[in-house]
Amino acid sequence: LYSEGGFIVTDSMTVDPPYKCLRLPSRSVSVASIEANPTIAGFKTYPALLDWLEKYNFVHDTLNPTIELYHTNGIVEVELPVSKEE
C-alpha cells in the first residue's frame, strides 16, 4: 500500500523544502461522500464506488490518484478516478 498526505492550496501558494507541491491533472472521477467517523468511512464509500463502477460499466483508472477529503463538518469524500470500459 502507498499513500501520501497533503493539503489543498491555491496556485499562488509556495512551499519550502522538504515540502513540495503536486498538481493533479484534470481527470474523470466518481465521488462518494458520507458523514461518518474517518476510521470507518472507507468501509462504506469504497464498496459503494466499486458497485457503481460495475453497474455503469466504468473501470478504476489506477494511473491517477484516488483522493480522500476529510471535511471539518464530518463529511468524508472519496474521489475515485474512472474511465469508461471498452
N, C-alpha and C. Protein backbone atom coordinates (compact mmCIF):
# COMPACT_ATOMS: atom_id res chain seq x y z
N LEU A 1 0.84 -1.18 0.00
CA LEU A 1 0.00 0.00 0.00
C LEU A 1 0.88 1.24 0.00
N TYR A 2 0.40 2.27 -0.65
CA TYR A 2 1.16 3.51 -0.76
C TYR A 2 0.21 4.68 -0.67
N SER A 3 0.55 5.66 0.14
CA SER A 3 -0.30 6.84 0.24
C SER A 3 0.55 8.06 0.55
N GLU A 4 -0.03 9.21 0.27
CA GLU A 4 0.60 10.49 0.59
C GLU A 4 -0.44 11.35 1.28
N GLY A 5 0.01 12.22 2.14
CA GLY A 5 -0.89 13.15 2.81
C GLY A 5 -0.61 14.55 2.31
N GLY A 6 -1.60 15.41 2.40
CA GLY A 6 -1.37 16.76 1.94
C GLY A 6 -2.55 17.66 2.22
N PHE A 7 -2.45 18.86 1.69
CA PHE A 7 -3.48 19.88 1.83
C PHE A 7 -3.78 20.46 0.46
N ILE A 8 -5.00 20.88 0.25
CA ILE A 8 -5.35 21.59 -0.98
C ILE A 8 -5.03 23.06 -0.75
N VAL A 9 -4.26 23.63 -1.67
CA VAL A 9 -3.85 25.03 -1.54
C VAL A 9 -4.10 25.75 -2.87
N THR A 10 -4.04 27.07 -2.84
CA THR A 10 -4.21 27.86 -4.06
C THR A 10 -2.95 27.75 -4.91
N ASP A 11 -3.10 28.05 -6.21
CA ASP A 11 -1.96 28.00 -7.12
C ASP A 11 -0.87 28.99 -6.74
N SER A 12 -1.23 30.08 -6.09
CA SER A 12 -0.25 31.12 -5.77
C SER A 12 0.61 30.78 -4.55
N MET A 13 0.25 29.74 -3.83
CA MET A 13 0.99 29.38 -2.62
C MET A 13 2.30 28.67 -2.97
N THR A 14 3.34 29.01 -2.25
CA THR A 14 4.63 28.34 -2.42
C THR A 14 5.01 27.66 -1.12
N VAL A 15 5.81 26.63 -1.23
CA VAL A 15 6.25 25.90 -0.04
C VAL A 15 7.76 25.75 -0.08
N ASP A 16 8.35 25.62 1.08
CA ASP A 16 9.79 25.45 1.20
C ASP A 16 10.11 23.99 1.47
N PRO A 17 11.29 23.52 1.00
CA PRO A 17 11.72 22.15 1.28
C PRO A 17 11.75 21.92 2.79
N PRO A 18 11.41 20.75 3.25
CA PRO A 18 11.28 19.50 2.49
C PRO A 18 9.89 19.29 1.90
N TYR A 19 8.99 20.26 1.98
CA TYR A 19 7.65 20.12 1.44
C TYR A 19 7.67 20.34 -0.05
N LYS A 20 6.65 19.83 -0.74
CA LYS A 20 6.56 20.02 -2.18
C LYS A 20 5.10 20.13 -2.61
N CYS A 21 4.88 20.73 -3.76
CA CYS A 21 3.54 20.86 -4.32
C CYS A 21 3.37 19.83 -5.43
N LEU A 22 2.20 19.27 -5.50
CA LEU A 22 1.86 18.32 -6.55
C LEU A 22 0.59 18.82 -7.23
N ARG A 23 0.65 19.00 -8.53
CA ARG A 23 -0.53 19.40 -9.31
C ARG A 23 -1.15 18.15 -9.89
N LEU A 24 -2.41 17.97 -9.61
CA LEU A 24 -3.12 16.81 -10.15
C LEU A 24 -3.72 17.18 -11.50
N PRO A 25 -3.62 16.27 -12.47
CA PRO A 25 -4.21 16.55 -13.78
C PRO A 25 -5.74 16.50 -13.70
N SER A 26 -6.37 17.16 -14.64
CA SER A 26 -7.82 17.05 -14.75
C SER A 26 -8.13 15.60 -15.10
N ARG A 27 -9.13 15.02 -14.45
CA ARG A 27 -9.45 13.62 -14.68
C ARG A 27 -10.92 13.39 -14.38
N SER A 28 -11.46 12.30 -14.89
CA SER A 28 -12.84 11.92 -14.58
C SER A 28 -12.84 11.14 -13.29
N VAL A 29 -13.76 11.47 -12.40
CA VAL A 29 -13.83 10.78 -11.11
C VAL A 29 -15.28 10.45 -10.78
N SER A 30 -15.44 9.41 -9.99
CA SER A 30 -16.72 9.10 -9.35
C SER A 30 -16.54 9.50 -7.90
N VAL A 31 -17.53 10.18 -7.33
CA VAL A 31 -17.40 10.70 -5.97
C VAL A 31 -18.44 10.08 -5.05
N ALA A 32 -17.98 9.65 -3.90
CA ALA A 32 -18.89 9.18 -2.85
C ALA A 32 -18.57 9.98 -1.60
N SER A 33 -19.60 10.41 -0.89
CA SER A 33 -19.37 11.12 0.36
C SER A 33 -20.29 10.55 1.43
N ILE A 34 -19.80 10.63 2.66
CA ILE A 34 -20.53 10.06 3.78
C ILE A 34 -20.22 10.89 5.02
N GLU A 35 -21.19 11.01 5.88
CA GLU A 35 -20.95 11.63 7.18
C GLU A 35 -20.68 10.49 8.15
N ALA A 36 -19.41 10.32 8.49
CA ALA A 36 -19.02 9.19 9.33
C ALA A 36 -17.65 9.45 9.93
N ASN A 37 -17.34 8.70 10.94
CA ASN A 37 -16.01 8.75 11.53
C ASN A 37 -15.01 8.34 10.45
N PRO A 38 -13.92 9.10 10.27
CA PRO A 38 -12.96 8.77 9.23
C PRO A 38 -12.39 7.35 9.29
N THR A 39 -12.38 6.76 10.47
CA THR A 39 -11.82 5.40 10.57
C THR A 39 -12.72 4.36 9.92
N ILE A 40 -14.01 4.64 9.76
CA ILE A 40 -14.91 3.66 9.13
C ILE A 40 -15.48 4.13 7.79
N ALA A 41 -15.26 5.37 7.43
CA ALA A 41 -15.84 5.92 6.20
C ALA A 41 -15.42 5.11 4.97
N GLY A 42 -14.18 4.71 4.90
CA GLY A 42 -13.70 3.95 3.74
C GLY A 42 -14.41 2.62 3.57
N PHE A 43 -14.81 2.00 4.67
CA PHE A 43 -15.51 0.72 4.59
C PHE A 43 -16.89 0.86 3.96
N LYS A 44 -17.42 2.08 3.92
CA LYS A 44 -18.72 2.34 3.31
C LYS A 44 -18.58 2.91 1.89
N THR A 45 -17.64 3.85 1.70
CA THR A 45 -17.55 4.55 0.42
C THR A 45 -16.95 3.71 -0.69
N TYR A 46 -15.86 3.00 -0.41
CA TYR A 46 -15.20 2.24 -1.48
C TYR A 46 -16.09 1.13 -2.05
N PRO A 47 -16.77 0.32 -1.23
CA PRO A 47 -17.68 -0.67 -1.81
C PRO A 47 -18.79 -0.03 -2.65
N ALA A 48 -19.32 1.11 -2.21
CA ALA A 48 -20.36 1.80 -2.97
C ALA A 48 -19.82 2.28 -4.32
N LEU A 49 -18.60 2.82 -4.32
CA LEU A 49 -17.99 3.27 -5.57
C LEU A 49 -17.75 2.09 -6.51
N LEU A 50 -17.23 0.99 -6.00
CA LEU A 50 -16.95 -0.17 -6.85
C LEU A 50 -18.24 -0.76 -7.41
N ASP A 51 -19.31 -0.77 -6.64
CA ASP A 51 -20.61 -1.22 -7.14
C ASP A 51 -21.09 -0.31 -8.27
N TRP A 52 -20.92 1.00 -8.10
CA TRP A 52 -21.32 1.96 -9.12
C TRP A 52 -20.54 1.74 -10.41
N LEU A 53 -19.22 1.52 -10.28
CA LEU A 53 -18.39 1.28 -11.47
C LEU A 53 -18.92 0.10 -12.27
N GLU A 54 -19.21 -0.98 -11.57
CA GLU A 54 -19.70 -2.19 -12.24
C GLU A 54 -21.07 -1.94 -12.89
N LYS A 55 -21.96 -1.27 -12.18
CA LYS A 55 -23.31 -1.02 -12.68
C LYS A 55 -23.31 -0.18 -13.96
N TYR A 56 -22.41 0.81 -14.04
CA TYR A 56 -22.41 1.73 -15.17
C TYR A 56 -21.24 1.51 -16.14
N ASN A 57 -20.59 0.35 -16.05
CA ASN A 57 -19.51 -0.04 -16.98
C ASN A 57 -18.33 0.92 -17.00
N PHE A 58 -17.88 1.29 -15.82
CA PHE A 58 -16.67 2.08 -15.69
C PHE A 58 -15.60 1.20 -15.04
N VAL A 59 -14.35 1.62 -15.18
CA VAL A 59 -13.25 0.92 -14.51
C VAL A 59 -12.45 1.94 -13.71
N HIS A 60 -11.83 1.47 -12.66
CA HIS A 60 -10.96 2.31 -11.83
C HIS A 60 -9.71 2.64 -12.63
N ASP A 61 -9.45 3.92 -12.81
CA ASP A 61 -8.25 4.39 -13.52
C ASP A 61 -7.11 4.45 -12.51
N THR A 62 -6.33 3.38 -12.48
CA THR A 62 -5.26 3.28 -11.47
C THR A 62 -4.03 4.13 -11.80
N LEU A 63 -4.02 4.78 -12.96
CA LEU A 63 -2.89 5.65 -13.31
C LEU A 63 -2.99 7.01 -12.64
N ASN A 64 -4.17 7.32 -12.12
CA ASN A 64 -4.39 8.60 -11.43
C ASN A 64 -4.70 8.34 -9.96
N PRO A 65 -4.34 9.28 -9.10
CA PRO A 65 -4.53 9.06 -7.66
C PRO A 65 -5.99 9.17 -7.21
N THR A 66 -6.33 8.35 -6.24
CA THR A 66 -7.60 8.47 -5.54
C THR A 66 -7.41 9.49 -4.43
N ILE A 67 -8.37 10.38 -4.26
CA ILE A 67 -8.26 11.44 -3.26
C ILE A 67 -9.32 11.23 -2.19
N GLU A 68 -8.92 11.31 -0.94
CA GLU A 68 -9.85 11.30 0.19
C GLU A 68 -9.80 12.67 0.84
N LEU A 69 -10.95 13.30 0.95
CA LEU A 69 -11.04 14.63 1.56
C LEU A 69 -11.80 14.50 2.88
N TYR A 70 -11.20 15.00 3.93
CA TYR A 70 -11.80 14.95 5.27
C TYR A 70 -12.22 16.37 5.64
N HIS A 71 -13.51 16.65 5.53
CA HIS A 71 -14.03 17.99 5.79
C HIS A 71 -14.26 18.21 7.28
N THR A 72 -14.18 19.46 7.70
CA THR A 72 -14.33 19.78 9.12
C THR A 72 -15.75 19.55 9.63
N ASN A 73 -16.73 19.42 8.72
CA ASN A 73 -18.11 19.20 9.14
C ASN A 73 -18.44 17.72 9.33
N GLY A 74 -17.42 16.84 9.25
CA GLY A 74 -17.62 15.41 9.46
C GLY A 74 -17.87 14.61 8.19
N ILE A 75 -17.89 15.29 7.06
CA ILE A 75 -18.10 14.60 5.78
C ILE A 75 -16.76 14.09 5.26
N VAL A 76 -16.74 12.84 4.83
CA VAL A 76 -15.58 12.26 4.16
C VAL A 76 -15.98 12.03 2.72
N GLU A 77 -15.15 12.53 1.80
CA GLU A 77 -15.44 12.45 0.37
C GLU A 77 -14.30 11.70 -0.31
N VAL A 78 -14.65 10.73 -1.15
CA VAL A 78 -13.66 9.96 -1.88
C VAL A 78 -13.86 10.22 -3.37
N GLU A 79 -12.78 10.64 -4.05
CA GLU A 79 -12.79 10.86 -5.49
C GLU A 79 -11.99 9.73 -6.14
N LEU A 80 -12.68 8.82 -6.79
CA LEU A 80 -12.06 7.66 -7.42
C LEU A 80 -11.94 7.92 -8.92
N PRO A 81 -10.71 7.97 -9.48
CA PRO A 81 -10.58 8.21 -10.91
C PRO A 81 -11.14 7.02 -11.71
N VAL A 82 -11.85 7.34 -12.78
CA VAL A 82 -12.52 6.32 -13.57
C VAL A 82 -12.31 6.55 -15.06
N SER A 83 -12.51 5.48 -15.83
CA SER A 83 -12.57 5.58 -17.28
C SER A 83 -13.66 4.64 -17.75
N LYS A 84 -14.19 4.93 -18.93
CA LYS A 84 -15.28 4.11 -19.48
C LYS A 84 -14.71 2.79 -19.97
N GLU A 85 -15.39 1.70 -19.62
CA GLU A 85 -14.95 0.37 -20.04
C GLU A 85 -15.18 0.22 -21.53
N GLU A 86 -14.20 -0.31 -22.21
CA GLU A 86 -14.28 -0.51 -23.68
C GLU A 86 -15.08 -1.74 -24.00
